[in-house]
Amino acid sequence: MRKGEPGKVRTWSIIVLVVSVMGLITGAGFFIGAILGLVGGILGLTWKSPAQPATQPTAQTSAPQEQ
């Protein structure tokens, strides 16, 4: 998965949440793993992709003038 693809991040976050909830219900695995999965899934759902910085035209600076 490439960095910053919001569709894939949302999809995998939902998958992690579902599996973590199933693990809590069935008692599979460690309790802390399910809690960490829930936290990670929620963080993935609330994640916003970073905005692309606007490119500003660079001002040309003149060389310092000698006196």
C-alpha atoms as a PDB file:
ATOM      1  CA  MET A   1       0.000   0.000   0.000  1.00  0.00           C
ATOM      2  CA  ARG A   2       1.363   3.339  -0.959  1.00  0.00           C
ATOM      3  CA  LYS A   3       1.607   5.995   1.691  1.00  0.00           C
ATOM      4  CA  GLY A   4      -1.418   8.209   1.908  1.00  0.00           C
ATOM      5  CA  GLU A   5      -4.100   6.402  -0.083  1.00  0.00           C
ATOM      6  CA  PRO A   6      -7.205   7.356   1.927  1.00  0.00           C
ATOM      7  CA  GLY A   7      -9.423   4.646   0.409  1.00  0.00           C
ATOM      8  CA  LYS A   8      -7.091   1.832   1.390  1.00  0.00           C
ATOM      9  CA  VAL A   9      -6.444   3.277   4.833  1.00  0.00           C
ATOM     10  CA  ARG A  10     -10.194   3.405   5.498  1.00  0.00           C
ATOM     11  CA  THR A  11     -10.715  -0.146   4.198  1.00  0.00           C
ATOM     12  CA  TRP A  12      -7.940  -1.668   6.291  1.00  0.00           C
ATOM     13  CA  SER A  13      -9.002   0.309   9.358  1.00  0.00           C
ATOM     14  CA  ILE A  14     -12.492  -1.170   9.122  1.00  0.00           C
ATOM     15  CA  ILE A  15     -11.039  -4.671   8.705  1.00  0.00           C
ATOM     16  CA  VAL A  16      -8.833  -4.174  11.785  1.00  0.00           C
ATOM     17  CA  LEU A  17     -11.818  -2.945  13.811  1.00  0.00           C
ATOM     18  CA  VAL A  18     -13.975  -5.912  12.810  1.00  0.00           C
ATOM     19  CA  VAL A  19     -11.264  -8.452  13.634  1.00  0.00           C
ATOM     20  CA  SER A  20     -10.491  -6.735  16.952  1.00  0.00           C
ATOM     21  CA  VAL A  21     -14.143  -6.725  18.005  1.00  0.00           C
ATOM     22  CA  MET A  22     -14.448 -10.389  17.014  1.00  0.00           C
ATOM     23  CA  GLY A  23     -11.366 -11.136  19.094  1.00  0.00           C
ATOM     24  CA  LEU A  24     -12.880  -9.400  22.118  1.00  0.00           C
ATOM     25  CA  ILE A  25     -16.170 -11.266  21.750  1.00  0.00           C
ATOM     26  CA  THR A  26     -14.667 -14.722  21.232  1.00  0.00           C
ATOM     27  CA  GLY A  27     -11.834 -14.221  23.691  1.00  0.00           C
ATOM     28  CA  ALA A  28      -9.217 -15.125  21.101  1.00  0.00           C
ATOM     29  CA  GLY A  29      -5.702 -13.834  21.542  1.00  0.00           C
ATOM     30  CA  PHE A  30      -4.508 -11.420  24.144  1.00  0.00           C
ATOM     31  CA  PHE A  31      -6.802  -8.754  25.529  1.00  0.00           C
ATOM     32  CA  ILE A  32      -4.180  -6.032  25.031  1.00  0.00           C
ATOM     33  CA  GLY A  33      -3.864  -6.988  21.349  1.00  0.00           C
ATOM     34  CA  ALA A  34      -7.578  -6.464  20.790  1.00  0.00           C
ATOM     35  CA  ILE A  35      -7.457  -3.108  22.566  1.00  0.00           C
ATOM     36  CA  LEU A  36      -4.463  -2.000  20.500  1.00  0.00           C
ATOM     37  CA  GLY A  37      -6.273  -3.154  17.360  1.00  0.00           C
ATOM     38  CA  LEU A  38      -9.300  -1.051  18.291  1.00  0.00           C
ATOM     39  CA  VAL A  39      -7.123   1.985  18.930  1.00  0.00           C
ATOM     40  CA  GLY A  40      -5.253   1.496  15.646  1.00  0.00           C
ATOM     41  CA  GLY A  41      -8.459   1.035  13.684  1.00  0.00           C
ATOM     42  CA  ILE A  42      -9.990   4.178  15.152  1.00  0.00           C
ATOM     43  CA  LEU A  43      -6.834   6.154  14.453  1.00  0.00           C
ATOM     44  CA  GLY A  44      -6.890   4.898  10.876  1.00  0.00           C
ATOM     45  CA  LEU A  45     -10.500   5.980  10.417  1.00  0.00           C
ATOM     46  CA  THR A  46      -9.865   9.463  11.787  1.00  0.00           C
ATOM     47  CA  TRP A  47      -6.603   9.920   9.855  1.00  0.00           C
ATOM     48  CA  LYS A  48      -6.544  12.694   7.270  1.00  0.00           C
ATOM     49  CA  SER A  49      -4.069  12.578   4.430  1.00  0.00           C
ATOM     50  CA  PRO A  50      -1.554  15.418   4.587  1.00  0.00           C
ATOM     51  CA  ALA A  51      -2.382  18.308   2.315  1.00  0.00           C
ATOM     52  CA  GLN A  52      -0.032  18.873  -0.554  1.00  0.00           C
ATOM     53  CA  PRO A  53       1.979  22.030   0.075  1.00  0.00           C
ATOM     54  CA  ALA A  54       1.147  24.756  -2.375  1.00  0.00           C
ATOM     55  CA  THR A  55       4.063  25.569  -4.583  1.00  0.00           C
ATOM     56  CA  GLN A  56       4.865  29.215  -4.448  1.00  0.00           C
ATOM     57  CA  PRO A  57       6.917  30.908  -7.118  1.00  0.00           C
ATOM     58  CA  THR A  58      10.381  31.521  -5.819  1.00  0.00           C
ATOM     59  CA  ALA A  59      11.464  35.097  -5.766  1.00  0.00           C
ATOM     60  CA  GLN A  60      14.778  35.589  -7.451  1.00  0.00           C
ATOM     61  CA  THR A  61      17.206  37.179  -5.128  1.00  0.00           C
ATOM     62  CA  SER A  62      19.868  39.404  -6.528  1.00  0.00           C
ATOM     63  CA  ALA A  63      23.466  38.919  -5.571  1.00  0.00           C
ATOM     64  CA  PRO A  64      24.684  41.269  -2.841  1.00  0.00           C
ATOM     65  CA  GLN A  65      26.001  44.422  -4.390  1.00  0.00           C
ATOM     66  CA  GLU A  66      29.507  45.450  -3.566  1.00  0.00           C
ATOM     67  CA  GLN A  67      30.155  49.062  -2.573  1.00  0.00           C
END
